[in-house]
C-alpha cells in the first residue's frame, strides 16, 4: 500500500496538518525518511550520518532545497570543492554518491515525495547526479601517489623514537609516561599485525590467544580482529592474524602485565585505555603519530595506514608467501594486496643482483662447455 514503506512521505508528514515553516519542515522530514530507508537497508549509523552531512552541505552551498535542485548547481558545488577546498577525489565521489542516493530516494514513487512537493510547492525533485557530471571509480587504489610504506630503517627509527620518549618522560618524573608507553606499544601492534587504525583501536585483551602450531608465542600466537573493514550494509568483517614476529609478543606481554594495569580505566576490558575513558581516541593516536614522524623529519606522506602498507611490504620482501600475506591482512583479492606491496628499491636491487650473479656463475662454470655438447 502507498505510504507504508520506510521513509515514505505519509509516514513523515501528517495529512491535513498545516506546517508553520513548510519548506524547512519538509526538507527535515525528507532527511528523516531517508535515514529510515537506509536503516532498513542495514547501513551503518556512521555512513548515514556522513551522507546526511553531505546533503545538508550541498543544500547550504546551493541555497536551495531539493525540489528546485538542478545538475548545474551540483557542477558549481563540485567546482568549488575542487578549486577552493582542494578535496580528494574519493571525498568528492562520496559526496556525489550521497546526493545521487538522496535524489534516487526522493524520486522513487514508492515514497511519495514527488507528489508531496507538487502539492505544496508546485514542483518536484529530480535526479541531479548523472554519469556525465560525476566521477567514476575506475581504479582499485585511489590513495595519493605520495602514500607509501616505511622503509625498514624508517620503521625502526620511528619505533625506537617512541620507546625513547617513554624513557625521557619517565626520567623527568612526569605522569605522561603511561600514555606514551601505551601509544608506543599501539604503534608496534599496528605494524606487527598489519592492522588498520580502527582495528587497532578496538582491540580487547580477549582478542589475543594461543596458536597450537606456534606455542613459542604463548598467549599472543593469534590476534582476532572483530572490527575489520565492512562492506556496505554488512557487519564488521572478522579475521585472525597469526603472529610472525617474536618481538611483538615481548612488547604485548610487557604492556599487559606491567603497564596497562596502572590505568584506572583498564578494568573496562579494552586493550588501549585512555587516562579518562575506557578507550583511547582517534585524535590522540593521530596526534602522537604526527609528532613523532615530524620530530624525526620523516616524509609527511607517511600516516598510520603506512604501518599496514609496511607490514605487507616487509613480509613480501622477507620471502613470505603472497597468499599467506593476503590472508593475514584480510584482502579478498590478491590484486588488492599487490597494491599494498610497495617493494623497496633496495629489495629489488638485491633480487636483481642475485639473478645476475646466478646467471654469470652459470656462464663461467668450468663444466659448462662439456655439458653443452
Protein backbone atom coordinates (compact mmCIF):
# COMPACT_ATOMS: atom_id res chain seq x y z
CA UNK A 1 0.00 0.00 0.00
CA UNK A 2 1.23 3.50 -0.85
CA UNK A 3 2.88 5.29 2.08
CA UNK A 4 3.83 2.23 4.13
CA UNK A 5 7.46 1.78 3.08
CA UNK A 6 10.17 3.10 5.44
CA UNK A 7 10.75 6.80 4.84
CA UNK A 8 7.53 7.43 2.90
CA UNK A 9 6.16 10.97 2.88
CA UNK A 10 2.90 9.95 4.54
CA UNK A 11 4.84 8.47 7.44
CA UNK A 12 6.81 11.70 7.93
CA UNK A 13 4.10 14.32 7.31
CA UNK A 14 0.57 14.20 8.75
CA UNK A 15 -2.13 14.77 6.12
CA UNK A 16 -4.22 17.91 6.56
CA UNK A 17 -1.96 19.49 9.18
CA UNK A 18 -0.58 22.90 8.09
CA UNK A 19 3.15 23.46 8.56
CA UNK A 20 4.47 26.64 10.17
CA UNK A 21 7.70 26.52 8.14
CA UNK A 22 6.76 24.22 5.27
CA UNK A 23 9.99 24.31 3.27
CA UNK A 24 12.26 23.72 6.24
CA UNK A 25 9.98 21.10 7.78
CA UNK A 26 9.55 19.16 4.54
CA UNK A 27 13.32 19.09 3.99
CA UNK A 28 13.84 17.81 7.54
CA UNK A 29 11.15 15.17 7.01
CA UNK A 30 12.87 14.09 3.79
CA UNK A 31 16.17 13.61 5.61
CA UNK A 32 14.46 11.70 8.42
CA UNK A 33 12.67 9.48 5.93
CA UNK A 34 15.89 8.86 4.01
CA UNK A 35 17.55 7.90 7.29
CA UNK A 36 14.84 5.30 7.95
CA UNK A 37 15.16 3.94 4.43
CA UNK A 38 18.93 3.49 4.88
CA UNK A 39 18.45 1.89 8.28
CA UNK A 40 16.10 -0.59 6.62
CA UNK A 41 18.97 -1.39 4.23
CA UNK A 42 21.16 -2.16 7.25
CA UNK A 43 23.65 0.64 6.57
CA UNK A 44 25.76 1.78 9.50
CA UNK A 45 24.89 4.87 11.52
CA UNK A 46 28.23 6.41 10.60
CA UNK A 47 27.56 6.02 6.88
CA UNK A 48 24.08 7.50 7.20
CA UNK A 49 25.25 10.50 9.21
CA UNK A 50 28.09 11.16 6.76
CA UNK A 51 25.68 11.10 3.81
CA UNK A 52 23.24 13.43 5.54
CA UNK A 53 26.01 15.91 6.27
CA UNK A 54 26.93 15.93 2.59
CA UNK A 55 23.32 16.59 1.55
CA UNK A 56 22.95 19.41 4.05
CA UNK A 57 26.26 20.91 2.91
CA UNK A 58 25.05 20.93 -0.70
CA UNK A 59 21.71 22.49 0.26
CA UNK A 60 23.55 25.21 2.18
CA UNK A 61 26.01 25.85 -0.66
CA UNK A 62 23.29 25.96 -3.33
CA UNK A 63 20.96 27.95 -1.06
CA UNK A 64 18.18 25.80 -2.46
CA UNK A 65 16.02 22.88 -1.37
CA UNK A 66 15.67 19.51 -3.14
CA UNK A 67 12.58 20.30 -5.23
CA UNK A 68 14.49 23.07 -7.06
CA UNK A 69 17.91 21.42 -7.34
CA UNK A 70 19.47 21.16 -10.80
CA UNK A 71 22.58 19.43 -12.21
CA UNK A 72 24.12 22.86 -12.74
CA UNK A 73 24.04 23.51 -9.00
CA UNK A 74 25.93 20.25 -8.44
CA UNK A 75 28.53 21.25 -11.05
CA UNK A 76 29.11 24.58 -9.33
CA UNK A 77 29.45 22.92 -5.92
CA UNK A 78 31.92 20.32 -7.19
CA UNK A 79 33.94 23.04 -8.90
CA UNK A 80 34.12 24.99 -5.65
CA UNK A 81 35.15 21.92 -3.65
CA UNK A 82 37.93 21.10 -6.10
CA UNK A 83 39.32 24.56 -6.82
CA UNK A 84 38.90 26.21 -3.43
CA UNK A 85 38.96 23.40 -0.85
CA UNK A 86 41.10 21.00 -2.89
CA UNK A 87 39.27 17.92 -1.64
CA UNK A 88 40.48 14.46 -2.54
CA UNK A 89 38.96 12.50 -5.40
CA UNK A 90 37.46 9.88 -3.11
CA UNK A 91 35.82 12.57 -0.94
CA UNK A 92 34.24 14.26 -3.95
CA UNK A 93 32.92 10.96 -5.21
CA UNK A 94 31.45 10.16 -1.78
CA UNK A 95 29.60 13.50 -1.84
CA UNK A 96 28.27 12.74 -5.30
CA UNK A 97 27.17 9.26 -4.24
CA UNK A 98 25.33 10.71 -1.26
CA UNK A 99 23.46 13.23 -3.44
CA UNK A 100 22.67 10.57 -6.04
CA UNK A 101 21.29 8.25 -3.37
CA UNK A 102 19.19 11.01 -1.78
CA UNK A 103 17.70 12.08 -5.12
CA UNK A 104 17.01 8.46 -6.05
CA UNK A 105 15.09 8.11 -2.80
CA UNK A 106 13.11 11.33 -3.38
CA UNK A 107 12.16 10.47 -6.96
CA UNK A 108 11.06 6.91 -6.19
CA UNK A 109 7.22 6.87 -6.49
CA UNK A 110 7.02 4.39 -3.61
CA UNK A 111 7.97 7.14 -1.15
CA UNK A 112 5.59 9.78 -2.47
CA UNK A 113 7.86 12.79 -2.14
CA UNK A 114 7.45 13.96 -5.73
CA UNK A 115 3.66 14.14 -5.35
CA UNK A 116 4.00 15.81 -1.94
CA UNK A 117 6.25 18.54 -3.36
CA UNK A 118 3.92 19.10 -6.33
CA UNK A 119 1.02 19.66 -3.94
CA UNK A 120 2.92 22.00 -1.65
CA UNK A 121 5.40 23.82 -3.90
CA UNK A 122 4.20 23.28 -7.46
CA UNK A 123 7.38 21.44 -8.47
CA UNK A 124 9.17 18.20 -7.65
CA UNK A 125 12.69 16.86 -7.05
CA UNK A 126 14.70 15.32 -9.89
CA UNK A 127 17.93 13.33 -10.13
CA UNK A 128 20.78 15.85 -10.33
CA UNK A 129 23.80 13.50 -10.33
CA UNK A 130 24.34 11.64 -13.58
CA UNK A 131 27.16 9.79 -15.34
CA UNK A 132 28.06 12.91 -17.26
CA UNK A 133 28.57 15.14 -14.19
CA UNK A 134 30.03 12.73 -11.63
CA UNK A 135 33.32 10.95 -11.07
CA UNK A 136 33.72 7.27 -11.90
CA UNK A 137 35.58 4.85 -9.65
CA UNK A 138 37.83 3.07 -12.16
CA UNK A 139 40.85 2.13 -10.02
CA UNK A 140 41.18 -0.18 -7.03
CA UNK A 141 43.58 2.20 -5.26
CA UNK A 142 42.85 5.90 -5.09
CA UNK A 143 45.34 6.92 -2.44
CA UNK A 144 47.58 9.84 -3.26
CA UNK A 145 50.79 8.82 -5.04
CA UNK A 146 52.77 10.11 -2.07
CA UNK A 147 51.30 7.46 0.27
CA UNK A 148 53.77 4.66 0.87
CA UNK A 149 55.22 2.18 3.34
CA UNK A 150 58.01 2.84 5.82
CA UNK A 151 61.40 1.55 4.82
CA UNK A 152 62.94 -0.86 7.31
CA UNK A 153 65.25 1.90 8.53
CA UNK A 154 62.36 4.34 8.93
CA UNK A 155 60.11 1.96 10.85
CA UNK A 156 62.97 1.03 13.17
CA UNK A 157 63.76 4.70 13.78
CA UNK A 158 60.09 5.50 14.44
CA UNK A 159 59.53 2.69 16.94
CA UNK A 160 62.86 3.38 18.67
CA UNK A 161 61.94 7.06 18.98
CA UNK A 162 58.57 6.11 20.52
CA UNK A 163 60.38 3.99 23.13
CA UNK A 164 62.87 6.79 23.81
CA UNK A 165 60.03 9.21 24.57
CA UNK A 166 58.74 6.88 27.28
CA UNK A 167 62.17 6.81 28.90
CA UNK A 168 62.59 10.58 28.58
CA UNK A 169 59.20 11.44 30.08
CA UNK A 170 59.58 8.95 32.91
CA UNK A 171 63.09 10.19 33.64
CA UNK A 172 61.73 13.68 34.20
CA UNK A 173 59.26 12.34 36.72
CA UNK A 174 56.22 13.27 34.65
CA UNK A 175 52.97 11.29 34.63
CA UNK A 176 52.73 11.29 30.86
CA UNK A 177 54.91 8.21 30.51
CA UNK A 178 51.89 5.89 30.79
CA UNK A 179 50.08 7.17 27.67
CA UNK A 180 53.45 7.43 25.90
CA UNK A 181 54.09 3.75 26.64
CA UNK A 182 50.57 2.84 25.52
CA UNK A 183 50.99 4.61 22.19
CA UNK A 184 54.45 3.16 21.60
CA UNK A 185 53.02 -0.34 22.05
CA UNK A 186 49.95 0.53 19.99
CA UNK A 187 52.18 1.52 17.06
CA UNK A 188 54.11 -1.75 17.39
CA UNK A 189 50.93 -3.82 17.40
CA UNK A 190 49.55 -1.96 14.36
CA UNK A 191 52.74 -2.71 12.43
CA UNK A 192 53.31 -6.17 13.92
CA UNK A 193 49.89 -7.42 12.77
CA UNK A 194 49.26 -5.17 9.75
CA UNK A 195 46.18 -3.53 11.24
CA UNK A 196 44.06 -0.60 10.18
CA UNK A 197 43.58 2.22 12.67
CA UNK A 198 40.07 1.17 13.77
CA UNK A 199 41.09 -2.47 14.00
CA UNK A 200 43.93 -1.46 16.32
CA UNK A 201 41.89 0.88 18.49
CA UNK A 202 39.04 -1.62 19.00
CA UNK A 203 41.22 -4.45 20.30
CA UNK A 204 40.40 -6.03 23.66
CA UNK A 205 42.63 -8.33 25.77
CA UNK A 206 40.43 -11.32 24.86
CA UNK A 207 41.32 -10.84 21.19
CA UNK A 208 44.72 -12.45 21.71
CA UNK A 209 45.12 -16.19 22.01
CA UNK A 210 47.37 -19.19 21.52
CA UNK A 211 48.34 -20.75 18.23
CA UNK A 212 48.79 -24.53 18.71
CA UNK A 213 51.14 -24.60 15.74
CA UNK A 214 53.37 -21.90 17.25
CA UNK A 215 53.45 -22.47 21.03
CA UNK A 216 56.60 -20.35 21.33
CA UNK A 217 54.42 -17.24 21.04
CA UNK A 218 52.45 -18.14 24.17
CA UNK A 219 49.22 -16.23 24.68
CA UNK A 220 49.90 -14.00 21.70
CA UNK A 221 50.05 -16.51 18.88
CA UNK A 222 46.87 -15.19 17.24
CA UNK A 223 45.21 -11.78 17.10
CA UNK A 224 41.46 -11.90 16.44
CA UNK A 225 40.18 -8.86 14.54
CA UNK A 226 36.50 -8.23 15.22
CA UNK A 227 36.20 -4.77 13.69
CA UNK A 228 37.61 -5.28 10.20
CA UNK A 229 36.59 -3.14 7.25
CA UNK A 230 32.95 -3.87 6.40
CA UNK A 231 31.10 -3.89 3.12
CA UNK A 232 28.06 -1.56 2.84
CA UNK A 233 25.13 -2.96 4.81
CA UNK A 234 27.25 -5.67 6.45
CA UNK A 235 28.71 -6.02 9.95
CA UNK A 236 32.46 -5.62 10.52
CA UNK A 237 34.49 -8.35 8.85
CA UNK A 238 36.29 -10.73 11.18
CA UNK A 239 39.64 -12.40 10.61
CA UNK A 240 42.50 -13.96 12.56
CA UNK A 241 46.07 -12.73 12.16
CA UNK A 242 48.85 -15.15 13.05
CA UNK A 243 51.87 -13.79 14.89
CA UNK A 244 55.00 -13.91 12.75
CA UNK A 245 57.49 -11.80 14.73
CA UNK A 246 58.64 -12.66 18.26
CA UNK A 247 59.41 -9.07 19.22
CA UNK A 248 55.72 -8.11 19.11
CA UNK A 249 54.98 -10.81 21.71
CA UNK A 250 57.54 -9.30 24.09
CA UNK A 251 56.07 -5.82 23.62
CA UNK A 252 52.50 -7.02 24.20
CA UNK A 253 53.46 -9.05 27.27
CA UNK A 254 55.15 -6.08 28.90
CA UNK A 255 52.20 -3.81 28.12
CA UNK A 256 49.63 -6.23 29.54
CA UNK A 257 51.47 -7.26 32.69
CA UNK A 258 53.38 -4.12 33.73
CA UNK A 259 51.79 -1.01 32.27
CA UNK A 260 48.15 -1.46 31.29
CA UNK A 261 47.06 -2.37 34.87
CA UNK A 262 48.33 1.07 36.02
CA UNK A 263 45.48 2.78 34.14
CA UNK A 264 42.48 3.31 36.39
CA UNK A 265 40.21 2.77 33.37
CA UNK A 266 41.80 -0.57 32.43
CA UNK A 267 39.08 -2.51 34.25
CA UNK A 268 36.69 -1.71 31.39
CA UNK A 269 38.26 -4.54 29.41
CA UNK A 270 39.57 -2.54 26.47
CA UNK A 271 43.14 -3.06 25.33
CA UNK A 272 44.10 0.63 24.96
CA UNK A 273 42.55 2.63 27.83
CA UNK A 274 42.96 6.38 27.97
CA UNK A 275 43.56 8.49 31.03
CA UNK A 276 39.89 9.48 31.29
CA UNK A 277 37.98 6.82 29.40
CA UNK A 278 37.92 3.12 28.58
CA UNK A 279 39.33 3.50 25.05
CA UNK A 280 41.90 5.85 23.50
CA UNK A 281 40.53 8.25 20.88
CA UNK A 282 41.49 8.61 17.24
CA UNK A 283 42.70 12.17 17.75
CA UNK A 284 45.17 11.08 20.44
CA UNK A 285 46.55 8.36 18.17
CA UNK A 286 46.84 10.67 15.16
CA UNK A 287 48.43 13.49 17.14
CA UNK A 288 51.09 11.27 18.71
CA UNK A 289 51.91 9.69 15.36
CA UNK A 290 52.32 13.06 13.65
CA UNK A 291 54.50 14.44 16.45
CA UNK A 292 56.91 11.50 16.29
CA UNK A 293 57.02 11.46 12.50
CA UNK A 294 57.72 15.18 12.25
CA UNK A 295 60.29 15.09 15.06
CA UNK A 296 62.26 12.53 13.05
CA UNK A 297 61.93 14.55 9.86
CA UNK A 298 60.19 11.68 8.06
CA UNK A 299 58.09 12.05 4.93
CA UNK A 300 54.81 13.88 5.79
CA UNK A 301 53.02 11.43 3.47
CA UNK A 302 53.59 8.66 6.00
CA UNK A 303 50.42 8.09 8.01
CA UNK A 304 49.00 5.49 10.38
CA UNK A 305 47.96 3.32 7.44
CA UNK A 306 51.63 3.17 6.46
CA UNK A 307 52.05 0.57 9.24
CA UNK A 308 49.75 -1.74 7.28
CA UNK A 309 51.49 -0.99 3.99
CA UNK A 310 54.82 -1.69 5.66
CA UNK A 311 53.63 -5.00 7.12
CA UNK A 312 52.68 -6.28 3.67
CA UNK A 313 55.80 -4.91 2.02
CA UNK A 314 58.26 -6.24 4.59
CA UNK A 315 56.72 -9.72 4.68
CA UNK A 316 56.90 -9.99 0.89
CA UNK A 317 60.47 -8.70 0.94
CA UNK A 318 61.35 -11.33 3.54
CA UNK A 319 60.10 -14.08 1.25
CA UNK A 320 56.72 -14.89 2.83
CA UNK A 321 54.16 -16.47 0.51
CA UNK A 322 51.92 -13.86 -1.13
CA UNK A 323 48.74 -15.85 -0.41
CA UNK A 324 49.65 -16.08 3.28
CA UNK A 325 50.12 -12.30 3.40
CA UNK A 326 46.79 -11.79 1.63
CA UNK A 327 45.01 -13.91 4.27
CA UNK A 328 46.80 -12.12 7.10
CA UNK A 329 45.58 -8.67 6.06
CA UNK A 330 42.11 -9.87 5.05
CA UNK A 331 42.14 -8.91 1.39
CA UNK A 332 39.50 -10.65 -0.70
CA UNK A 333 41.55 -10.32 -3.87
CA UNK A 334 45.28 -10.80 -4.44
CA UNK A 335 45.28 -7.68 -6.62
CA UNK A 336 44.45 -5.59 -3.55
CA UNK A 337 47.44 -7.00 -1.67
CA UNK A 338 49.68 -6.26 -4.65
CA UNK A 339 48.68 -2.60 -4.41
CA UNK A 340 49.91 -2.53 -0.80
CA UNK A 341 53.15 -4.24 -1.74
CA UNK A 342 55.43 -1.24 -2.05
CA UNK A 343 58.55 -3.33 -2.55
CA UNK A 344 61.54 -1.14 -1.76
CA UNK A 345 64.21 -0.27 -4.29
CA UNK A 346 66.83 -1.98 -2.08
CA UNK A 347 64.93 -5.25 -2.22
CA UNK A 348 64.51 -5.02 -5.98
CA UNK A 349 68.21 -4.26 -6.37
CA UNK A 350 69.20 -7.25 -4.24
CA UNK A 351 66.84 -9.51 -6.17
CA UNK A 352 68.24 -8.34 -9.48
CA UNK A 353 71.80 -8.76 -8.23
CA UNK A 354 71.13 -12.35 -7.15
CA UNK A 355 69.62 -13.18 -10.53
CA UNK A 356 72.52 -11.62 -12.42
CA UNK A 357 75.10 -13.33 -10.21
CA UNK A 358 73.42 -16.69 -10.74
CA UNK A 359 73.40 -16.16 -14.50
CA UNK A 360 77.06 -15.12 -14.52
CA UNK A 361 78.04 -18.02 -12.29
CA UNK A 362 76.31 -20.49 -14.59
CA UNK A 363 78.08 -18.98 -17.62
CA UNK A 364 81.53 -19.26 -16.03
CA UNK A 365 81.30 -22.83 -14.72
CA UNK A 366 84.21 -24.95 -15.95
CA UNK A 367 81.93 -27.84 -16.90
CA UNK A 368 79.58 -25.63 -18.96
CA UNK A 369 81.31 -26.29 -22.26
CA UNK A 370 81.28 -30.07 -21.80
CA UNK A 371 77.65 -30.18 -20.68
CA UNK A 372 76.53 -28.22 -23.70
CA UNK A 373 77.82 -30.82 -26.18
